[in-house]
């Protein structure tokens, strides 16, 4: 079998319509021998095929690298995702699929969510950011929507109808309420007595924000 391009040509106008790629017995290609032609097999990739491929999630970043931030301070969010090309085979024909990030859904863990088509930028940019109103641990979760294209045997890229969603690993962020207090200037603060990041438990998880909103950025 060999891969061949299929076209429909209108006799009256000569216009050509590309119908995709198909497979045909090698002996039939270019043959003038009168014999029944096998029905062309058009190779295509649909959303279900796309969803089965191991598309890597975007790399999510949230908050400072220390893993905590003061309540009310902007929690800077950004994602890293380069186009991915995955190789597979259909009907013994090599097929490449290209996945490209289209949009991002951020769940801040306190009820606030953000939808954006922008990947965001690292601090000090606040292009994509949010704040926590309360103290406690929160999980920041990123879900990335990918569009897809496929190429048969090195041919031109063709769009895949529909999109897929891939979720990144949650990022733990601790929001801390900072309060002013008098201290002994000659004595270093004991962070073990008042830890910046306490052990996570049901008692240290942050509450939901009663004024949570969904934003499009």
N, C-alpha and C. Protein backbone atom coordinates (compact mmCIF):
# COMPACT_ATOMS: atom_id res chain seq x y z
N UNK A 1 0.85 -1.19 0.00
CA UNK A 1 0.00 0.00 0.00
C UNK A 1 0.88 1.25 0.00
N UNK A 2 0.42 2.30 -0.68
CA UNK A 2 1.13 3.57 -0.69
C UNK A 2 0.12 4.67 -0.36
N UNK A 3 0.62 5.80 0.12
CA UNK A 3 -0.23 6.94 0.45
C UNK A 3 -0.35 7.84 -0.77
N UNK A 4 -1.59 8.18 -1.12
CA UNK A 4 -1.82 9.04 -2.28
C UNK A 4 -2.74 10.19 -1.88
N UNK A 5 -2.58 11.32 -2.55
CA UNK A 5 -3.45 12.47 -2.32
C UNK A 5 -4.70 12.33 -3.17
N UNK A 6 -5.86 12.67 -2.61
CA UNK A 6 -7.12 12.58 -3.32
C UNK A 6 -7.62 13.98 -3.66
N UNK A 7 -8.06 14.18 -4.90
CA UNK A 7 -8.62 15.44 -5.33
C UNK A 7 -9.91 15.20 -6.11
N UNK A 8 -10.84 16.20 -6.02
CA UNK A 8 -12.02 16.18 -6.86
C UNK A 8 -11.89 17.36 -7.83
N UNK A 9 -11.99 17.10 -9.13
CA UNK A 9 -11.83 18.12 -10.15
C UNK A 9 -13.16 18.33 -10.86
N UNK A 10 -13.64 19.58 -10.85
CA UNK A 10 -14.87 19.90 -11.57
C UNK A 10 -14.55 20.07 -13.05
N UNK A 11 -15.22 19.28 -13.88
CA UNK A 11 -14.93 19.31 -15.32
C UNK A 11 -15.21 20.67 -15.93
N UNK A 12 -16.31 21.30 -15.49
CA UNK A 12 -16.71 22.56 -16.12
C UNK A 12 -15.74 23.69 -15.83
N UNK A 13 -15.27 23.77 -14.58
CA UNK A 13 -14.45 24.92 -14.18
C UNK A 13 -12.98 24.57 -13.99
N UNK A 14 -12.68 23.29 -13.82
CA UNK A 14 -11.30 22.90 -13.54
C UNK A 14 -10.91 23.13 -12.10
N UNK A 15 -11.84 23.55 -11.24
CA UNK A 15 -11.52 23.77 -9.83
C UNK A 15 -11.19 22.45 -9.16
N UNK A 16 -10.20 22.49 -8.26
CA UNK A 16 -9.76 21.28 -7.56
C UNK A 16 -10.09 21.41 -6.08
N UNK A 17 -10.57 20.32 -5.49
CA UNK A 17 -10.87 20.26 -4.06
C UNK A 17 -10.06 19.13 -3.44
N UNK A 18 -9.24 19.47 -2.45
CA UNK A 18 -8.42 18.45 -1.78
C UNK A 18 -9.29 17.62 -0.84
N UNK A 19 -9.24 16.31 -0.96
CA UNK A 19 -10.08 15.41 -0.18
C UNK A 19 -9.30 14.68 0.90
N UNK A 20 -8.02 14.94 1.04
CA UNK A 20 -7.22 14.25 2.05
C UNK A 20 -6.33 13.19 1.43
N UNK A 21 -5.70 12.42 2.27
CA UNK A 21 -4.80 11.36 1.83
C UNK A 21 -5.47 10.00 2.00
N UNK A 22 -5.11 9.07 1.14
CA UNK A 22 -5.66 7.73 1.21
C UNK A 22 -4.60 6.69 0.94
N UNK A 23 -4.98 5.44 1.09
CA UNK A 23 -4.07 4.33 0.82
C UNK A 23 -4.57 3.56 -0.40
N UNK A 24 -3.65 3.10 -1.22
CA UNK A 24 -4.00 2.40 -2.44
C UNK A 24 -2.94 1.33 -2.72
N UNK A 25 -3.39 0.22 -3.26
CA UNK A 25 -2.43 -0.85 -3.58
C UNK A 25 -1.38 -0.32 -4.55
N UNK A 26 -0.10 -0.70 -4.32
CA UNK A 26 0.99 -0.17 -5.12
C UNK A 26 0.79 -0.44 -6.60
N UNK A 27 0.26 -1.57 -6.97
CA UNK A 27 0.12 -1.91 -8.37
C UNK A 27 -0.93 -1.09 -9.09
N UNK A 28 -1.81 -0.41 -8.33
CA UNK A 28 -2.86 0.38 -8.96
C UNK A 28 -2.42 1.80 -9.26
N UNK A 29 -1.31 2.26 -8.61
CA UNK A 29 -0.88 3.63 -8.80
C UNK A 29 -0.29 3.80 -10.19
N UNK A 30 -0.89 4.68 -10.99
CA UNK A 30 -0.38 4.93 -12.34
C UNK A 30 -0.66 3.81 -13.31
N UNK A 31 -1.47 2.83 -12.94
CA UNK A 31 -1.74 1.69 -13.82
C UNK A 31 -2.87 2.02 -14.78
N UNK A 32 -2.72 1.62 -16.04
CA UNK A 32 -3.76 1.80 -17.05
C UNK A 32 -4.60 0.55 -17.24
N UNK A 33 -4.28 -0.49 -16.46
CA UNK A 33 -4.99 -1.75 -16.59
C UNK A 33 -6.42 -1.58 -16.12
N UNK A 34 -7.35 -1.99 -16.95
CA UNK A 34 -8.76 -1.86 -16.59
C UNK A 34 -9.09 -2.86 -15.49
N UNK A 35 -9.32 -2.39 -14.32
CA UNK A 35 -9.72 -3.25 -13.21
C UNK A 35 -10.47 -2.39 -12.21
N UNK A 36 -11.34 -3.01 -11.42
CA UNK A 36 -12.11 -2.24 -10.45
C UNK A 36 -11.17 -1.53 -9.49
N UNK A 37 -11.38 -0.23 -9.32
CA UNK A 37 -10.54 0.54 -8.40
C UNK A 37 -11.03 0.33 -6.98
N UNK A 38 -10.08 0.12 -6.08
CA UNK A 38 -10.45 -0.03 -4.68
C UNK A 38 -10.92 1.31 -4.13
N UNK A 39 -11.87 1.28 -3.24
CA UNK A 39 -12.37 2.51 -2.64
C UNK A 39 -11.23 3.18 -1.88
N UNK A 40 -11.03 4.48 -2.09
CA UNK A 40 -9.93 5.16 -1.39
C UNK A 40 -10.16 5.18 0.11
N UNK A 41 -9.08 5.05 0.87
CA UNK A 41 -9.12 5.12 2.33
C UNK A 41 -8.52 6.46 2.73
N UNK A 42 -9.34 7.36 3.25
CA UNK A 42 -8.86 8.67 3.64
C UNK A 42 -8.45 8.63 5.11
N UNK A 43 -7.20 8.99 5.38
CA UNK A 43 -6.69 9.01 6.75
C UNK A 43 -6.99 10.36 7.36
N UNK A 44 -7.63 10.34 8.50
CA UNK A 44 -7.92 11.58 9.21
C UNK A 44 -7.75 11.34 10.70
N UNK A 45 -7.65 12.42 11.47
CA UNK A 45 -7.51 12.35 12.93
C UNK A 45 -8.64 13.18 13.53
N UNK A 46 -9.44 12.58 14.40
CA UNK A 46 -10.54 13.30 15.02
C UNK A 46 -10.19 13.65 16.47
N UNK A 47 -11.12 14.29 17.14
CA UNK A 47 -10.85 14.74 18.50
C UNK A 47 -10.59 13.56 19.44
N UNK A 48 -11.32 12.45 19.24
CA UNK A 48 -11.13 11.28 20.10
C UNK A 48 -9.72 10.73 19.95
N UNK A 49 -9.21 10.69 18.71
CA UNK A 49 -7.83 10.25 18.49
C UNK A 49 -6.86 11.21 19.18
N UNK A 50 -7.12 12.49 19.03
CA UNK A 50 -6.27 13.53 19.62
C UNK A 50 -6.19 13.38 21.14
N UNK A 51 -7.36 13.12 21.75
CA UNK A 51 -7.43 13.04 23.21
C UNK A 51 -6.67 11.83 23.76
N UNK A 52 -6.43 10.81 22.94
CA UNK A 52 -5.72 9.61 23.41
C UNK A 52 -4.20 9.79 23.40
N UNK A 53 -3.72 10.84 22.76
CA UNK A 53 -2.28 11.04 22.67
C UNK A 53 -1.74 11.67 23.96
N UNK A 54 -0.48 11.37 24.30
CA UNK A 54 0.10 11.86 25.56
C UNK A 54 0.57 13.31 25.47
N UNK A 55 -0.37 14.23 25.32
CA UNK A 55 -0.02 15.65 25.25
C UNK A 55 0.41 16.10 26.65
N UNK A 56 1.59 16.71 26.74
CA UNK A 56 2.12 17.17 28.03
C UNK A 56 1.37 18.41 28.49
N UNK A 57 1.06 18.50 29.80
CA UNK A 57 0.41 19.72 30.31
C UNK A 57 1.37 20.89 30.27
N UNK A 58 0.82 22.09 30.26
CA UNK A 58 1.65 23.29 30.37
C UNK A 58 2.32 23.31 31.74
N UNK A 59 3.48 23.93 31.82
CA UNK A 59 4.18 24.09 33.10
C UNK A 59 3.60 25.32 33.78
N UNK A 60 2.96 25.13 34.93
CA UNK A 60 2.29 26.22 35.63
C UNK A 60 3.20 26.81 36.70
N UNK A 61 3.12 28.13 36.85
CA UNK A 61 3.86 28.84 37.90
C UNK A 61 2.88 29.74 38.65
N UNK A 62 2.99 29.73 39.98
CA UNK A 62 2.11 30.57 40.80
C UNK A 62 2.87 31.05 42.03
N UNK A 63 2.70 32.34 42.33
CA UNK A 63 3.26 32.90 43.55
C UNK A 63 4.78 32.94 43.55
N UNK A 64 5.39 33.43 44.62
CA UNK A 64 6.84 33.42 44.76
C UNK A 64 7.38 32.00 44.86
N UNK A 65 8.67 31.85 44.57
CA UNK A 65 9.28 30.51 44.59
C UNK A 65 9.31 29.91 46.00
N UNK A 66 9.21 30.76 47.05
CA UNK A 66 9.22 30.24 48.42
C UNK A 66 7.95 29.49 48.76
N UNK A 67 6.90 29.64 47.94
CA UNK A 67 5.67 28.91 48.18
C UNK A 67 4.70 29.61 49.11
N UNK A 68 4.98 30.85 49.50
CA UNK A 68 4.03 31.59 50.34
C UNK A 68 4.04 33.06 49.92
N UNK A 69 2.97 33.75 50.26
CA UNK A 69 2.89 35.18 49.98
C UNK A 69 1.94 35.81 50.97
N UNK A 70 2.11 37.10 51.28
CA UNK A 70 1.19 37.76 52.20
C UNK A 70 -0.21 37.85 51.61
N UNK A 71 -1.21 37.69 52.44
CA UNK A 71 -2.59 37.87 51.99
C UNK A 71 -2.75 39.28 51.43
N UNK A 72 -3.41 39.39 50.31
CA UNK A 72 -3.60 40.67 49.66
C UNK A 72 -2.53 41.02 48.66
N UNK A 73 -1.41 40.29 48.64
CA UNK A 73 -0.36 40.55 47.66
C UNK A 73 -0.68 39.81 46.37
N UNK A 74 -0.40 40.40 45.19
CA UNK A 74 -0.70 39.73 43.93
C UNK A 74 0.01 38.38 43.81
N UNK A 75 -0.77 37.38 43.48
CA UNK A 75 -0.27 36.03 43.19
C UNK A 75 -0.07 35.95 41.68
N UNK A 76 1.19 36.07 41.24
CA UNK A 76 1.49 36.13 39.81
C UNK A 76 1.42 34.73 39.19
N UNK A 77 0.68 34.61 38.09
CA UNK A 77 0.46 33.33 37.42
C UNK A 77 1.02 33.40 36.00
N UNK A 78 1.71 32.34 35.60
CA UNK A 78 2.10 32.25 34.18
C UNK A 78 2.33 30.79 33.82
N UNK A 79 2.23 30.51 32.53
CA UNK A 79 2.34 29.15 32.02
C UNK A 79 3.38 29.08 30.91
N UNK A 80 4.02 27.94 30.80
CA UNK A 80 4.98 27.68 29.72
C UNK A 80 4.47 26.49 28.91
N UNK A 81 4.32 26.68 27.61
CA UNK A 81 3.86 25.59 26.75
C UNK A 81 4.28 25.85 25.31
N UNK A 82 5.19 25.04 24.81
CA UNK A 82 5.61 25.11 23.42
C UNK A 82 4.79 24.12 22.59
N UNK A 83 4.59 24.38 21.28
CA UNK A 83 3.89 23.39 20.45
C UNK A 83 4.57 22.03 20.52
N UNK A 84 3.76 20.99 20.62
CA UNK A 84 4.27 19.62 20.73
C UNK A 84 3.91 18.84 19.48
N UNK A 85 4.87 18.07 18.96
CA UNK A 85 4.62 17.20 17.81
C UNK A 85 4.75 15.75 18.28
N UNK A 86 3.69 14.98 18.10
CA UNK A 86 3.68 13.58 18.50
C UNK A 86 3.50 12.72 17.26
N UNK A 87 4.30 11.68 17.17
CA UNK A 87 4.26 10.80 16.00
C UNK A 87 3.51 9.52 16.32
N UNK A 88 2.67 9.10 15.38
CA UNK A 88 1.91 7.86 15.52
C UNK A 88 1.79 7.24 14.13
N UNK A 89 0.94 6.24 13.98
CA UNK A 89 0.73 5.60 12.69
C UNK A 89 -0.72 5.15 12.58
N UNK A 90 -1.29 5.35 11.40
CA UNK A 90 -2.63 4.88 11.09
C UNK A 90 -2.57 4.11 9.78
N UNK A 91 -3.12 2.88 9.79
CA UNK A 91 -3.09 2.03 8.59
C UNK A 91 -1.66 1.90 8.05
N UNK A 92 -0.72 1.70 8.98
CA UNK A 92 0.70 1.54 8.63
C UNK A 92 1.29 2.77 7.93
N UNK A 93 0.64 3.92 8.10
CA UNK A 93 1.12 5.16 7.50
C UNK A 93 1.52 6.12 8.62
N UNK A 94 2.71 6.72 8.55
CA UNK A 94 3.13 7.64 9.61
C UNK A 94 2.26 8.90 9.64
N UNK A 95 1.84 9.27 10.82
CA UNK A 95 1.02 10.46 11.03
C UNK A 95 1.61 11.26 12.18
N UNK A 96 1.77 12.56 11.98
CA UNK A 96 2.24 13.46 13.04
C UNK A 96 1.08 14.33 13.50
N UNK A 97 1.02 14.56 14.81
CA UNK A 97 -0.02 15.42 15.38
C UNK A 97 0.67 16.55 16.14
N UNK A 98 0.25 17.78 15.87
CA UNK A 98 0.83 18.94 16.54
C UNK A 98 -0.20 19.56 17.47
N UNK A 99 0.15 19.68 18.76
CA UNK A 99 -0.73 20.26 19.78
C UNK A 99 -0.21 21.63 20.17
N UNK A 100 -1.10 22.63 20.15
CA UNK A 100 -0.72 24.00 20.47
C UNK A 100 -1.67 24.56 21.51
N UNK A 101 -1.12 25.17 22.57
CA UNK A 101 -1.95 25.76 23.62
C UNK A 101 -2.76 26.91 23.05
N UNK A 102 -4.05 26.90 23.35
CA UNK A 102 -4.96 27.94 22.86
C UNK A 102 -5.41 28.88 23.97
N UNK A 103 -5.74 28.32 25.13
CA UNK A 103 -6.23 29.14 26.23
C UNK A 103 -5.94 28.45 27.56
N UNK A 104 -6.11 29.22 28.65
CA UNK A 104 -5.73 28.74 29.98
C UNK A 104 -6.86 29.06 30.97
N UNK A 105 -7.14 28.09 31.85
CA UNK A 105 -8.13 28.28 32.92
C UNK A 105 -7.41 28.08 34.25
N UNK A 106 -7.37 29.14 35.05
CA UNK A 106 -6.74 29.09 36.37
C UNK A 106 -7.81 28.98 37.45
N UNK A 107 -7.64 28.00 38.33
CA UNK A 107 -8.50 27.85 39.51
C UNK A 107 -7.63 28.14 40.72
N UNK A 108 -7.93 29.21 41.45
CA UNK A 108 -7.07 29.64 42.55
C UNK A 108 -7.30 28.86 43.85
N UNK A 109 -8.30 28.01 43.88
CA UNK A 109 -8.52 27.17 45.05
C UNK A 109 -9.42 27.79 46.10
N UNK A 110 -9.70 29.10 45.98
CA UNK A 110 -10.56 29.78 46.96
C UNK A 110 -11.89 30.17 46.36
N UNK A 111 -12.18 29.64 45.17
CA UNK A 111 -13.42 29.98 44.47
C UNK A 111 -13.22 30.95 43.32
N UNK A 112 -12.07 31.67 43.30
CA UNK A 112 -11.77 32.58 42.21
C UNK A 112 -11.19 31.81 41.02
N UNK A 113 -11.59 32.19 39.81
CA UNK A 113 -11.09 31.56 38.59
C UNK A 113 -10.79 32.62 37.54
N UNK A 114 -9.89 32.29 36.63
CA UNK A 114 -9.49 33.20 35.56
C UNK A 114 -9.42 32.42 34.26
N UNK A 115 -10.01 32.95 33.20
CA UNK A 115 -9.85 32.41 31.85
C UNK A 115 -9.08 33.42 31.01
N UNK A 116 -8.11 32.95 30.26
CA UNK A 116 -7.30 33.84 29.45
C UNK A 116 -6.69 33.10 28.28
N UNK A 117 -6.41 33.83 27.21
CA UNK A 117 -5.67 33.27 26.08
C UNK A 117 -4.18 33.64 26.18
N UNK A 118 -3.82 34.36 27.25
CA UNK A 118 -2.44 34.77 27.44
C UNK A 118 -1.72 33.80 28.38
N UNK A 119 -0.47 33.43 28.09
CA UNK A 119 0.26 32.56 29.01
C UNK A 119 0.70 33.27 30.27
N UNK A 120 0.72 34.62 30.25
CA UNK A 120 1.20 35.36 31.40
C UNK A 120 2.71 35.50 31.39
N UNK A 121 3.23 36.27 32.34
CA UNK A 121 4.67 36.52 32.44
C UNK A 121 5.10 36.43 33.89
N UNK A 122 6.39 36.11 34.14
CA UNK A 122 6.87 36.02 35.52
C UNK A 122 6.85 37.38 36.22
N UNK A 123 6.95 37.35 37.54
CA UNK A 123 7.10 38.56 38.34
C UNK A 123 8.32 39.34 37.84
N UNK A 124 8.26 40.67 37.73
CA UNK A 124 7.30 41.58 38.36
C UNK A 124 6.04 41.86 37.55
N UNK A 125 5.86 41.20 36.41
CA UNK A 125 4.63 41.39 35.65
C UNK A 125 3.44 40.91 36.47
N UNK A 126 2.33 41.61 36.37
CA UNK A 126 1.08 41.19 37.01
C UNK A 126 -0.01 41.03 35.95
N UNK A 127 0.43 40.64 34.73
CA UNK A 127 -0.52 40.50 33.61
C UNK A 127 -1.64 39.53 33.97
N UNK A 128 -1.27 38.38 34.55
CA UNK A 128 -2.26 37.41 35.05
C UNK A 128 -1.97 37.24 36.54
N UNK A 129 -2.88 37.70 37.37
CA UNK A 129 -2.63 37.63 38.81
C UNK A 129 -3.95 37.66 39.57
N UNK A 130 -3.86 37.28 40.84
CA UNK A 130 -5.01 37.33 41.74
C UNK A 130 -4.48 37.54 43.15
N UNK A 131 -5.37 37.70 44.11
CA UNK A 131 -4.96 37.85 45.51
C UNK A 131 -5.82 36.94 46.39
N UNK A 132 -5.27 36.59 47.54
CA UNK A 132 -6.02 35.82 48.53
C UNK A 132 -6.46 36.76 49.65
N UNK A 133 -7.69 36.63 50.06
CA UNK A 133 -8.22 37.48 51.12
C UNK A 133 -7.97 36.91 52.50
N UNK A 134 -7.69 35.61 52.57
CA UNK A 134 -7.58 34.95 53.87
C UNK A 134 -6.27 34.18 53.99
N UNK A 135 -5.98 33.80 55.22
CA UNK A 135 -4.77 33.02 55.48
C UNK A 135 -5.07 31.53 55.30
N UNK A 136 -4.08 30.80 54.78
CA UNK A 136 -4.24 29.35 54.67
C UNK A 136 -3.60 28.81 53.40
N UNK A 137 -3.60 27.49 53.30
CA UNK A 137 -3.06 26.79 52.13
C UNK A 137 -4.13 26.73 51.03
N UNK A 138 -3.67 26.93 49.79
CA UNK A 138 -4.56 26.82 48.63
C UNK A 138 -3.84 26.05 47.51
N UNK A 139 -4.62 25.35 46.70
CA UNK A 139 -4.11 24.67 45.51
C UNK A 139 -4.46 25.51 44.28
N UNK A 140 -3.43 25.87 43.52
CA UNK A 140 -3.63 26.59 42.25
C UNK A 140 -3.56 25.56 41.12
N UNK A 141 -4.62 25.46 40.32
CA UNK A 141 -4.69 24.46 39.27
C UNK A 141 -4.86 25.13 37.91
N UNK A 142 -4.06 24.69 36.95
CA UNK A 142 -4.14 25.20 35.58
C UNK A 142 -4.66 24.11 34.65
N UNK A 143 -5.67 24.45 33.86
CA UNK A 143 -6.17 23.56 32.81
C UNK A 143 -5.96 24.27 31.47
N UNK A 144 -5.21 23.62 30.58
CA UNK A 144 -4.87 24.23 29.29
C UNK A 144 -5.69 23.59 28.18
N UNK A 145 -6.26 24.41 27.31
CA UNK A 145 -6.99 23.93 26.14
C UNK A 145 -6.05 23.94 24.95
N UNK A 146 -5.95 22.78 24.27
CA UNK A 146 -5.06 22.63 23.12
C UNK A 146 -5.88 22.45 21.84
N UNK A 147 -5.41 23.11 20.77
CA UNK A 147 -5.90 22.80 19.43
C UNK A 147 -4.93 21.82 18.79
N UNK A 148 -5.40 21.12 17.73
CA UNK A 148 -4.54 20.12 17.09
C UNK A 148 -4.54 20.20 15.58
N UNK A 149 -3.45 19.75 14.99
CA UNK A 149 -3.31 19.60 13.54
C UNK A 149 -2.65 18.25 13.28
N UNK A 150 -2.88 17.70 12.09
CA UNK A 150 -2.22 16.44 11.77
C UNK A 150 -1.63 16.50 10.36
N UNK A 151 -0.58 15.70 10.18
CA UNK A 151 0.11 15.60 8.90
C UNK A 151 0.29 14.13 8.56
N UNK A 152 -0.11 13.73 7.36
CA UNK A 152 0.00 12.33 6.93
C UNK A 152 1.23 12.16 6.08
N UNK A 153 2.14 11.32 6.56
CA UNK A 153 3.34 10.96 5.79
C UNK A 153 4.11 12.20 5.32
N UNK A 154 4.24 13.19 6.22
CA UNK A 154 5.00 14.38 5.87
C UNK A 154 4.25 15.39 5.03
N UNK A 155 2.96 15.20 4.84
CA UNK A 155 2.16 16.12 4.02
C UNK A 155 1.82 17.39 4.77
N UNK A 156 0.98 18.21 4.17
CA UNK A 156 0.61 19.48 4.76
C UNK A 156 -0.17 19.27 6.05
N UNK A 157 -0.12 20.27 6.93
CA UNK A 157 -0.84 20.21 8.20
C UNK A 157 -2.32 20.48 7.96
N UNK A 158 -3.17 19.66 8.57
CA UNK A 158 -4.61 19.80 8.47
C UNK A 158 -5.20 19.93 9.87
N UNK A 159 -6.24 20.77 10.04
CA UNK A 159 -6.79 20.99 11.38
C UNK A 159 -7.57 19.78 11.89
N UNK A 160 -7.52 19.58 13.20
CA UNK A 160 -8.35 18.58 13.88
C UNK A 160 -9.55 19.32 14.46
N UNK A 161 -10.73 18.83 14.17
CA UNK A 161 -11.93 19.48 14.70
C UNK A 161 -12.03 19.23 16.21
N UNK A 162 -12.31 20.29 16.96
CA UNK A 162 -12.45 20.16 18.41
C UNK A 162 -11.13 20.41 19.13
N UNK A 163 -11.20 20.53 20.44
CA UNK A 163 -10.04 20.77 21.28
C UNK A 163 -10.00 19.77 22.42
N UNK A 164 -8.86 19.72 23.11
CA UNK A 164 -8.76 18.87 24.29
C UNK A 164 -8.27 19.72 25.46
N UNK A 165 -8.52 19.27 26.68
CA UNK A 165 -8.07 19.97 27.88
C UNK A 165 -7.12 19.07 28.66
N UNK A 166 -6.01 19.66 29.11
CA UNK A 166 -5.00 18.92 29.87
C UNK A 166 -4.71 19.69 31.15
N UNK A 167 -4.82 19.01 32.29
CA UNK A 167 -4.64 19.66 33.59
C UNK A 167 -3.21 19.49 34.09
N UNK A 168 -2.64 20.57 34.60
CA UNK A 168 -1.31 20.53 35.18
C UNK A 168 -1.39 20.10 36.65
N UNK A 169 -0.24 19.72 37.22
CA UNK A 169 -0.20 19.37 38.63
C UNK A 169 -0.52 20.60 39.47
N UNK A 170 -1.35 20.46 40.52
CA UNK A 170 -1.66 21.62 41.38
C UNK A 170 -0.40 22.16 42.06
N UNK A 171 -0.40 23.47 42.30
CA UNK A 171 0.70 24.13 43.01
C UNK A 171 0.17 24.57 44.38
N UNK A 172 0.86 24.17 45.44
CA UNK A 172 0.47 24.58 46.77
C UNK A 172 1.03 25.98 47.08
N UNK A 173 0.15 26.86 47.53
CA UNK A 173 0.55 28.23 47.89
C UNK A 173 -0.03 28.53 49.27
N UNK A 174 0.81 29.12 50.14
CA UNK A 174 0.33 29.50 51.47
C UNK A 174 0.17 31.01 51.52
N UNK A 175 -1.03 31.46 51.86
CA UNK A 175 -1.33 32.88 52.02
C UNK A 175 -1.27 33.20 53.51
N UNK A 176 -0.42 34.18 53.87
CA UNK A 176 -0.21 34.47 55.29
C UNK A 176 -0.65 35.87 55.63
N UNK A 177 -1.40 35.99 56.71
CA UNK A 177 -1.79 37.30 57.22
C UNK A 177 -0.63 37.85 58.05
N UNK A 178 -0.08 38.98 57.64
CA UNK A 178 1.02 39.60 58.36
C UNK A 178 0.49 40.72 59.24
N UNK A 179 0.86 40.70 60.52
CA UNK A 179 0.40 41.70 61.46
C UNK A 179 1.61 42.40 62.07
N UNK A 180 1.50 43.70 62.26
CA UNK A 180 2.56 44.46 62.91
C UNK A 180 2.55 44.17 64.41
N UNK A 181 3.75 44.05 65.00
CA UNK A 181 3.85 43.83 66.44
C UNK A 181 5.20 44.32 66.92
N UNK A 182 5.27 44.63 68.21
CA UNK A 182 6.52 45.07 68.80
C UNK A 182 7.42 43.86 69.06
N UNK A 183 8.69 43.98 68.72
CA UNK A 183 9.64 42.89 68.92
C UNK A 183 10.90 43.46 69.54
N UNK A 184 11.69 42.58 70.12
CA UNK A 184 12.98 42.96 70.67
C UNK A 184 13.97 43.11 69.53
N UNK A 185 14.42 44.33 69.27
CA UNK A 185 15.31 44.57 68.15
C UNK A 185 16.64 43.87 68.27
N UNK A 186 17.02 43.44 69.49
CA UNK A 186 18.30 42.76 69.68
C UNK A 186 18.18 41.23 69.55
N UNK A 187 16.95 40.77 69.31
CA UNK A 187 16.73 39.33 69.25
C UNK A 187 16.13 38.96 67.90
N UNK A 188 16.77 37.99 67.25
CA UNK A 188 16.26 37.54 65.94
C UNK A 188 14.93 36.83 66.12
N UNK A 189 13.99 37.04 65.21
CA UNK A 189 12.70 36.35 65.33
C UNK A 189 12.87 34.84 65.20
N UNK A 190 12.06 34.12 65.97
CA UNK A 190 12.09 32.66 65.93
C UNK A 190 11.02 32.18 64.96
N UNK A 191 11.44 31.79 63.75
CA UNK A 191 10.47 31.36 62.75
C UNK A 191 9.86 30.00 63.08
N UNK A 192 10.52 29.24 63.98
CA UNK A 192 9.93 27.97 64.41
C UNK A 192 8.73 28.23 65.32
N UNK A 193 8.78 29.37 66.03
CA UNK A 193 7.67 29.72 66.90
C UNK A 193 6.49 30.24 66.09
N UNK A 194 6.80 30.97 65.03
CA UNK A 194 5.75 31.53 64.16
C UNK A 194 6.13 31.22 62.72
N UNK A 195 5.91 29.98 62.27
CA UNK A 195 6.41 29.57 60.95
C UNK A 195 5.71 30.31 59.82
N UNK A 196 6.50 30.59 58.76
CA UNK A 196 5.93 31.21 57.57
C UNK A 196 5.00 30.22 56.87
N UNK A 197 5.38 28.95 56.88
CA UNK A 197 4.54 27.95 56.21
C UNK A 197 4.29 26.79 57.18
N UNK A 198 3.14 26.78 57.84
CA UNK A 198 2.84 25.68 58.75
C UNK A 198 2.58 24.39 57.99
N UNK A 199 2.64 23.28 58.67
CA UNK A 199 2.28 22.00 58.07
C UNK A 199 0.85 22.08 57.56
N UNK A 200 0.65 21.47 56.40
CA UNK A 200 -0.69 21.54 55.84
C UNK A 200 -1.60 20.50 56.49
N UNK A 201 -2.79 20.95 56.84
CA UNK A 201 -3.80 20.08 57.44
C UNK A 201 -5.16 20.73 57.22
N UNK A 202 -6.20 20.08 57.65
CA UNK A 202 -7.53 20.65 57.50
C UNK A 202 -7.66 21.95 58.28
N UNK A 203 -6.84 22.06 59.34
CA UNK A 203 -6.91 23.27 60.17
C UNK A 203 -6.18 24.44 59.53
N UNK A 204 -5.23 24.16 58.62
CA UNK A 204 -4.45 25.25 58.01
C UNK A 204 -4.85 25.51 56.55
N UNK A 205 -5.81 24.75 56.02
CA UNK A 205 -6.31 25.05 54.68
C UNK A 205 -7.10 26.35 54.72
N UNK A 206 -6.95 27.15 53.65
CA UNK A 206 -7.63 28.44 53.61
C UNK A 206 -9.11 28.30 53.32
N UNK A 207 -9.92 29.24 53.80
CA UNK A 207 -11.37 29.20 53.53
C UNK A 207 -11.68 29.70 52.13
N UNK A 208 -12.88 29.41 51.70
CA UNK A 208 -13.35 29.92 50.42
C UNK A 208 -13.66 31.42 50.54
N UNK A 209 -13.49 32.12 49.44
CA UNK A 209 -13.75 33.55 49.40
C UNK A 209 -15.23 33.77 49.09
N UNK A 210 -16.00 34.34 50.01
CA UNK A 210 -17.44 34.55 49.74
C UNK A 210 -17.69 35.54 48.61
N UNK A 211 -16.68 36.33 48.24
CA UNK A 211 -16.84 37.29 47.16
C UNK A 211 -16.05 36.86 45.92
N UNK A 212 -15.84 35.55 45.78
CA UNK A 212 -15.09 35.01 44.65
C UNK A 212 -15.77 35.36 43.33
N UNK A 213 -14.94 35.58 42.30
CA UNK A 213 -15.45 35.94 40.99
C UNK A 213 -14.75 35.12 39.92
N UNK A 214 -15.36 35.12 38.74
CA UNK A 214 -14.70 34.56 37.54
C UNK A 214 -14.34 35.72 36.64
N UNK A 215 -13.06 35.76 36.19
CA UNK A 215 -12.61 36.85 35.35
C UNK A 215 -12.09 36.33 34.02
N UNK A 216 -12.28 37.12 32.98
CA UNK A 216 -11.66 36.90 31.68
C UNK A 216 -10.60 37.97 31.48
N UNK A 217 -9.38 37.53 31.24
CA UNK A 217 -8.26 38.47 31.12
C UNK A 217 -7.73 38.43 29.70
